[in-house]
Protein backbone atom coordinates (compact mmCIF):
# COMPACT_ATOMS: atom_id res chain seq x y z
CA MET A 1 112.29 138.29 85.02
CA SER A 2 110.35 137.70 81.81
CA LYS A 3 110.32 134.26 80.24
CA MET A 4 113.11 133.67 77.73
CA LYS A 5 111.93 133.56 74.13
CA SER A 6 111.87 130.27 72.22
CA VAL A 7 113.56 129.60 68.87
CA LEU A 8 112.60 127.53 65.83
CA SER A 9 115.44 126.75 63.41
CA LEU A 10 114.86 125.73 59.77
CA GLY A 11 117.60 123.95 57.84
CA GLU A 12 119.11 120.77 56.47
CA MET A 13 120.30 117.93 58.66
CA LEU A 14 123.61 116.73 57.27
CA LEU A 15 125.70 113.65 57.84
CA ARG A 16 129.41 114.40 58.09
CA LEU A 17 131.98 111.76 57.18
CA SER A 18 135.56 112.56 58.07
CA PRO A 19 138.90 110.69 58.00
CA GLU A 20 140.60 110.34 61.37
CA ASN A 21 143.74 112.14 62.50
CA HIS A 22 143.78 114.89 59.88
CA LYS A 23 144.13 112.41 57.02
CA MET A 24 143.13 113.16 53.43
CA ILE A 25 140.63 110.90 51.67
CA ILE A 26 143.02 110.36 48.77
CA GLN A 27 145.76 109.06 51.08
CA SER A 28 146.68 105.39 51.04
CA GLY A 29 145.55 103.87 54.32
CA THR A 30 142.48 106.08 54.76
CA ASN A 31 139.93 103.36 55.45
CA LEU A 32 137.86 104.74 58.31
CA LEU A 33 135.44 107.67 58.27
CA GLU A 34 134.04 109.12 61.49
CA MET A 35 130.34 110.01 61.35
CA PHE A 36 128.73 113.09 62.87
CA TYR A 37 125.34 114.76 62.45
CA GLY A 38 125.40 118.47 61.72
CA GLY A 39 124.18 121.35 59.60
CA ALA A 40 124.20 125.02 60.60
CA GLU A 41 120.67 125.28 61.94
CA LEU A 42 120.83 121.86 63.60
CA ASN A 43 124.01 122.91 65.39
CA VAL A 44 122.37 126.11 66.59
CA SER A 45 119.21 124.35 67.74
CA ILE A 46 121.20 121.89 69.88
CA ALA A 47 123.49 124.56 71.33
CA LEU A 48 120.48 126.68 72.31
CA ALA A 49 118.86 123.66 73.99
CA ASN A 50 122.11 123.13 75.90
CA PHE A 51 121.80 126.73 77.12
CA GLY A 52 118.29 126.06 78.41
CA VAL A 53 116.42 127.77 75.57
CA LYS A 54 113.22 126.14 74.29
CA SER A 55 114.50 125.05 70.89
CA GLY A 56 112.75 123.44 67.94
CA TYR A 57 114.14 122.23 64.63
CA ILE A 58 112.40 121.69 61.33
CA THR A 59 113.83 119.76 58.41
CA LYS A 60 113.04 116.75 56.23
CA VAL A 61 114.84 113.41 56.49
CA PRO A 62 114.39 110.07 54.71
CA ASP A 63 112.44 107.20 56.22
CA ASN A 64 115.45 105.06 57.04
CA SER A 65 117.94 104.42 59.84
CA LEU A 66 119.97 107.55 59.04
CA GLY A 67 116.91 109.76 59.39
CA ASP A 68 115.75 107.92 62.52
CA LYS A 69 119.14 108.24 64.19
CA GLY A 70 119.30 111.95 63.36
CA ILE A 71 115.95 112.59 65.03
CA LYS A 72 116.98 110.57 68.10
CA TYR A 73 120.21 112.59 68.21
CA LEU A 74 118.24 115.85 68.40
CA LYS A 75 115.89 114.49 71.04
CA GLN A 76 118.73 113.49 73.36
CA TYR A 77 119.57 117.20 73.70
CA GLY A 78 115.95 118.20 74.28
CA VAL A 79 115.33 119.73 70.85
CA ASN A 80 111.67 119.60 69.76
CA THR A 81 111.37 117.50 66.59
CA GLU A 82 107.60 117.32 66.13
CA ASN A 83 107.68 119.44 62.95
CA ILE A 84 110.30 117.33 61.15
CA GLN A 85 108.99 115.80 57.93
CA ILE A 86 109.74 112.20 56.96
CA GLY A 87 110.20 111.33 53.30
CA GLY A 88 112.32 111.79 50.23
CA GLU A 89 115.22 109.70 49.04
CA ARG A 90 118.34 110.56 51.00
CA ILE A 91 120.06 112.56 53.71
CA GLY A 92 122.56 115.20 52.67
CA ILE A 93 126.19 114.21 53.21
CA TYR A 94 129.46 116.08 53.31
CA PHE A 95 133.01 114.83 53.57
CA LEU A 96 135.43 116.85 55.68
CA GLU A 97 139.20 116.55 55.50
CA ASN A 98 140.53 118.44 58.52
CA GLY A 99 143.50 120.62 57.67
CA TYR A 100 146.74 120.78 59.56
CA SER A 101 149.46 123.44 59.70
CA VAL A 102 149.72 125.00 56.20
CA ARG A 103 147.15 122.58 54.68
CA PRO A 104 143.59 123.97 54.86
CA SER A 105 140.52 121.90 55.59
CA CYS A 106 138.49 120.75 52.59
CA VAL A 107 134.75 120.04 52.27
CA THR A 108 133.15 117.92 49.54
CA TYR A 109 129.33 118.00 49.37
CA ASP A 110 127.09 115.12 48.38
CA ARG A 111 123.71 116.67 49.11
CA LYS A 112 122.01 117.06 45.73
CA TYR A 113 118.45 115.65 45.65
CA SER A 114 118.43 115.25 49.43
CA SER A 115 115.10 115.02 51.23
CA PHE A 116 115.43 118.57 52.51
CA SER A 117 116.29 120.00 49.09
CA GLU A 118 112.83 118.88 47.92
CA MET A 119 110.93 120.03 51.02
CA GLU A 120 107.66 121.93 50.60
CA MET A 121 105.06 123.17 53.09
CA THR A 122 101.76 125.00 52.91
CA ASP A 123 101.34 128.40 54.53
CA GLU A 124 99.03 126.83 57.09
CA GLU A 125 101.61 124.19 58.02
CA ILE A 126 104.20 126.93 58.46
CA ARG A 127 101.90 129.01 60.67
CA LYS A 128 101.28 125.96 62.83
CA ALA A 129 105.02 125.22 63.11
CA LEU A 130 105.78 128.82 64.10
CA SER A 131 102.89 129.15 66.54
CA ASP A 132 104.79 127.76 69.54
CA TYR A 133 107.93 129.89 69.03
CA ASP A 134 108.94 133.52 69.37
CA VAL A 135 111.97 133.59 67.07
CA LEU A 136 112.81 132.10 63.66
CA PHE A 137 116.47 131.29 62.99
CA ILE A 138 117.60 130.61 59.44
CA SER A 139 120.84 130.89 57.51
CA GLY A 140 121.90 131.65 53.96
CA ILE A 141 122.75 127.99 53.49
CA THR A 142 119.05 127.14 53.53
CA LEU A 143 118.39 129.84 50.95
CA SER A 144 121.13 128.36 48.75
CA ILE A 145 120.47 124.61 48.66
CA SER A 146 117.78 124.58 45.97
CA GLU A 147 114.98 126.63 44.44
CA LYS A 148 112.53 124.77 46.67
CA THR A 149 114.42 125.59 49.87
CA PHE A 150 114.71 129.21 48.77
CA LYS A 151 110.94 129.34 48.28
CA LEU A 152 110.40 127.59 51.63
CA SER A 153 112.74 130.06 53.36
CA LYS A 154 110.83 133.03 51.94
CA GLN A 155 107.55 131.51 53.09
CA PHE A 156 108.84 131.02 56.62
CA ILE A 157 110.38 134.49 56.83
CA LYS A 158 107.34 136.34 55.51
CA ILE A 159 104.87 134.39 57.64
CA ALA A 160 107.08 134.81 60.72
CA LYS A 161 107.03 138.55 60.16
CA GLU A 162 103.23 138.51 59.71
CA LEU A 163 102.98 136.67 63.04
CA GLU A 164 105.28 139.28 64.65
CA LYS A 165 108.03 136.77 65.33
CA GLU A 166 111.63 137.94 65.51
CA ILE A 167 113.89 136.81 62.68
CA ILE A 168 117.58 136.07 63.15
CA PHE A 169 119.56 135.52 59.96
CA ASP A 170 123.11 134.22 59.59
CA CYS A 171 124.61 134.85 56.14
CA ASN A 172 126.74 131.67 56.15
CA TYR A 173 127.71 132.00 52.48
CA ARG A 174 128.97 128.75 50.92
CA SER A 175 130.73 129.15 47.56
CA LYS A 176 130.38 125.43 46.79
CA LEU A 177 126.59 125.74 46.99
CA ILE A 178 125.85 128.98 45.17
CA SER A 179 127.53 131.75 43.19
CA LEU A 180 128.03 135.18 44.73
CA GLU A 181 125.74 136.65 42.09
CA GLU A 182 122.85 134.31 42.90
CA ALA A 183 123.47 134.54 46.65
CA SER A 184 123.32 138.33 46.44
CA LYS A 185 119.99 138.13 44.64
CA ARG A 186 118.46 135.69 47.13
CA TYR A 187 119.83 137.24 50.33
CA ARG A 188 118.81 140.76 49.37
CA GLU A 189 115.28 139.55 48.72
CA ILE A 190 114.80 138.65 52.39
CA ILE A 191 117.31 140.69 54.36
CA ASP A 192 114.93 143.55 55.20
CA TYR A 193 112.90 141.10 57.29
CA ALA A 194 115.80 140.30 59.64
CA ASP A 195 115.93 141.77 63.14
CA VAL A 196 119.39 140.45 64.03
CA LEU A 197 122.04 139.77 61.40
CA PHE A 198 125.20 137.69 61.55
CA ALA A 199 127.60 138.66 58.78
CA GLY A 200 131.26 139.25 58.05
CA TYR A 201 132.85 142.05 56.09
CA LEU A 202 132.97 140.01 52.87
CA ASP A 203 129.22 139.35 53.13
CA PHE A 204 128.55 143.09 53.21
CA ILE A 205 130.90 143.85 50.34
CA ASN A 206 130.24 140.90 48.01
CA ILE A 207 126.60 140.04 48.75
CA PHE A 208 124.97 143.25 49.97
CA LYS A 209 127.15 145.47 47.75
CA ILE A 210 128.22 147.82 50.53
CA GLU A 211 131.14 150.04 49.56
CA ASN A 212 134.35 148.83 51.19
CA PRO A 213 135.73 151.52 53.53
CA GLU A 214 139.36 152.52 53.20
CA TYR A 215 141.62 150.49 55.47
CA ASP A 216 145.40 150.69 55.54
CA GLY A 217 145.89 147.58 57.67
CA LYS A 218 147.49 149.61 60.45
CA GLU A 219 144.46 150.94 62.30
CA ASP A 220 142.51 148.76 64.73
CA TYR A 221 140.06 146.63 62.74
CA THR A 222 137.34 147.81 65.14
CA GLU A 223 137.58 151.20 63.43
CA TYR A 224 137.26 149.52 60.05
CA TYR A 225 134.11 147.72 61.17
CA LYS A 226 132.67 150.95 62.55
CA LYS A 227 133.04 152.54 59.12
CA LEU A 228 131.56 149.48 57.43
CA TYR A 229 128.61 149.23 59.81
CA THR A 230 127.86 152.94 59.32
CA LYS A 231 127.46 152.28 55.60
CA VAL A 232 125.27 149.23 56.30
CA TYR A 233 122.92 151.21 58.54
CA GLU A 234 122.48 153.78 55.78
CA LYS A 235 120.61 151.03 53.87
CA TYR A 236 119.30 148.66 56.54
CA ASN A 237 117.86 148.80 60.04
CA PHE A 238 118.88 145.88 62.26
CA LYS A 239 118.64 145.64 66.04
CA TYR A 240 122.12 144.17 66.01
CA ILE A 241 124.79 143.16 63.54
CA ILE A 242 127.20 140.61 64.94
CA SER A 243 130.44 139.43 63.32
CA SER A 244 133.01 136.84 64.33
CA ILE A 245 136.60 137.74 63.55
CA ARG A 246 139.49 135.35 63.17
CA LYS A 247 143.08 135.65 62.06
CA SER A 248 144.53 132.36 60.89
CA VAL A 249 148.08 131.72 62.04
CA SER A 250 147.82 128.18 60.62
CA SER A 251 145.07 125.60 60.03
CA ASN A 252 145.17 124.66 63.70
CA ARG A 253 146.04 128.00 65.37
CA ASN A 254 143.85 131.12 65.23
CA GLU A 255 143.35 134.45 66.92
CA TYR A 256 139.60 134.66 67.57
CA SER A 257 137.25 137.46 68.57
CA GLY A 258 134.01 139.18 67.59
CA ILE A 259 132.30 142.52 67.24
CA ILE A 260 128.73 143.80 67.70
CA THR A 261 126.87 146.97 66.82
CA ASP A 262 123.39 148.43 67.19
CA GLY A 263 124.16 151.18 64.68
CA LYS A 264 125.04 153.63 67.44
CA GLU A 265 127.78 151.90 69.38
CA THR A 266 130.24 149.23 68.22
CA ILE A 267 131.94 146.94 70.74
CA LYS A 268 134.77 144.46 70.21
CA GLY A 269 134.82 141.50 72.55
CA ARG A 270 137.60 139.53 74.18
CA GLU A 271 140.25 137.94 71.96
CA TYR A 272 141.41 134.34 72.35
CA HIS A 273 144.49 132.63 70.97
CA ILE A 274 143.23 129.13 70.27
CA GLU A 275 144.53 125.72 69.27
CA ILE A 276 142.00 123.99 67.01
CA GLN A 277 140.77 120.43 67.40
CA ASP A 278 137.89 120.92 64.95
CA ARG A 279 136.83 124.19 63.35
CA VAL A 280 133.52 122.96 61.89
CA GLY A 281 130.54 124.26 63.84
CA THR A 282 132.48 127.03 65.57
CA GLY A 283 130.58 129.72 63.68
CA ASP A 284 127.31 128.10 64.73
CA ALA A 285 128.50 127.98 68.34
CA PHE A 286 129.35 131.69 68.10
CA THR A 287 125.91 132.40 66.65
CA SER A 288 124.06 130.37 69.28
CA GLY A 289 126.06 132.06 72.03
CA ALA A 290 125.07 135.48 70.72
CA ILE A 291 121.43 134.42 70.37
CA TYR A 292 121.43 133.19 73.96
CA GLY A 293 123.04 136.42 75.15
CA TYR A 294 120.46 138.45 73.25
CA LEU A 295 117.47 136.42 74.46
CA SER A 296 118.68 136.45 78.06
CA GLY A 297 118.79 140.25 78.08
CA LYS A 298 122.54 140.81 78.15
CA ASP A 299 123.97 144.14 77.01
CA LYS A 300 126.10 144.36 73.87
CA GLU A 301 129.32 143.54 75.71
CA GLY A 302 127.67 140.56 77.39
CA ILE A 303 126.24 139.30 74.09
CA ILE A 304 129.51 139.44 72.18
CA ASN A 305 131.65 137.97 74.94
CA PHE A 306 129.25 135.06 75.46
CA ALA A 307 129.29 134.48 71.68
CA ILE A 308 133.09 134.51 71.52
CA GLY A 309 133.40 132.23 74.55
CA SER A 310 130.94 129.77 73.01
CA GLY A 311 132.74 129.78 69.67
CA ALA A 312 136.17 129.50 71.26
CA LEU A 313 135.19 126.46 73.33
CA LYS A 314 133.74 124.65 70.31
CA HIS A 315 137.20 124.70 68.69
CA THR A 316 138.34 122.29 71.42
CA ILE A 317 136.07 119.30 70.60
CA HIS A 318 135.44 117.08 67.59
CA GLY A 319 132.12 117.01 65.76
CA ASP A 320 129.76 119.64 64.41
CA VAL A 321 127.81 120.32 67.60
CA SER A 322 128.81 122.28 70.69
CA GLU A 323 128.29 120.25 73.86
CA PHE A 324 128.71 123.10 76.35
CA GLY A 325 126.28 124.70 78.78
CA VAL A 326 125.99 128.23 80.12
CA GLU A 327 128.30 127.61 83.09
CA ASP A 328 131.02 126.27 80.81
CA ILE A 329 130.94 129.47 78.76
CA LEU A 330 130.88 131.71 81.82
CA GLN A 331 133.89 129.90 83.25
CA ILE A 332 135.90 130.74 80.12
CA ILE A 333 134.66 134.32 79.99
CA ASN A 334 135.54 134.93 83.64
CA SER A 335 138.93 133.20 83.51
CA LYS A 336 142.18 135.11 83.17
CA CYS A 337 144.10 131.85 82.93
CA PHE A 338 143.20 128.25 82.20
CA ASP A 339 144.07 126.12 85.22
CA ILE A 340 142.48 122.74 85.93
CA ALA A 341 138.87 123.15 87.12
CA ARG A 342 138.72 121.30 90.47
């Protein structure tokens, strides 16, 4: 068996502050905020390390206790932190109010002028950072934070391609960070470099300007995605496109699945009916599961089911990061019921 490829993830380390027990910040009696480290690429880098993948993370954090603790947090999972820059004024923060029943979750960002938003690197520094890895992972969030992070993202992507590294891109559009118009401009500037793409149907329609196929709501949504993917492959050439799919019954109950295509065959994975402890980071767990499946040589069905299992399990724990290993995911995938594991 060939050695599994290694992954370097570029993105912003965030500090999440969240009221306990589904409270709102504005509520009387909300005095305590739980603290978690997160950020899309950080979440993916840790999940991959938990799966046994050689995983590195590159960001910039301030020279203070918040930055120090964040780096120690990564190290405890075995993520390589040697390329992290120290400097700048502050760590990016976001406040999460977890939804419940008919009330949706709400995110408030406080990340302007963060250390990462001002990060710059020379081409030589980027080549050195990439030299020990086979794959670059990056998301649309990193493209969206600031002009400097957009420039840095383009540098990394273009140099990675020059060095014949694989590039995995997750759209991860955030309307509170960037307009659809600007996101479309930035994403389309780099998308041709991606080998594997994570995107949902709204990303294709609103960002990549793919014509929306007719859908009457009655046919299986797999058929809708087949039509959509066909239109995507008329313009782009990805090894895989992978999409998570969820139907919200309420803020804390979802139907959850995923779908994958190579442009020739489209496969829908297993569907789970899940109760949600914490939805944040579930997309990143899905993404990291798919990346692991891809790097470990699984077929399309294996990739998508490992991704769905990883994402489904993350819904069951608090915090941004998935704490599960390969055996945990396989246990869910191979289970027809959920008895106590003894």
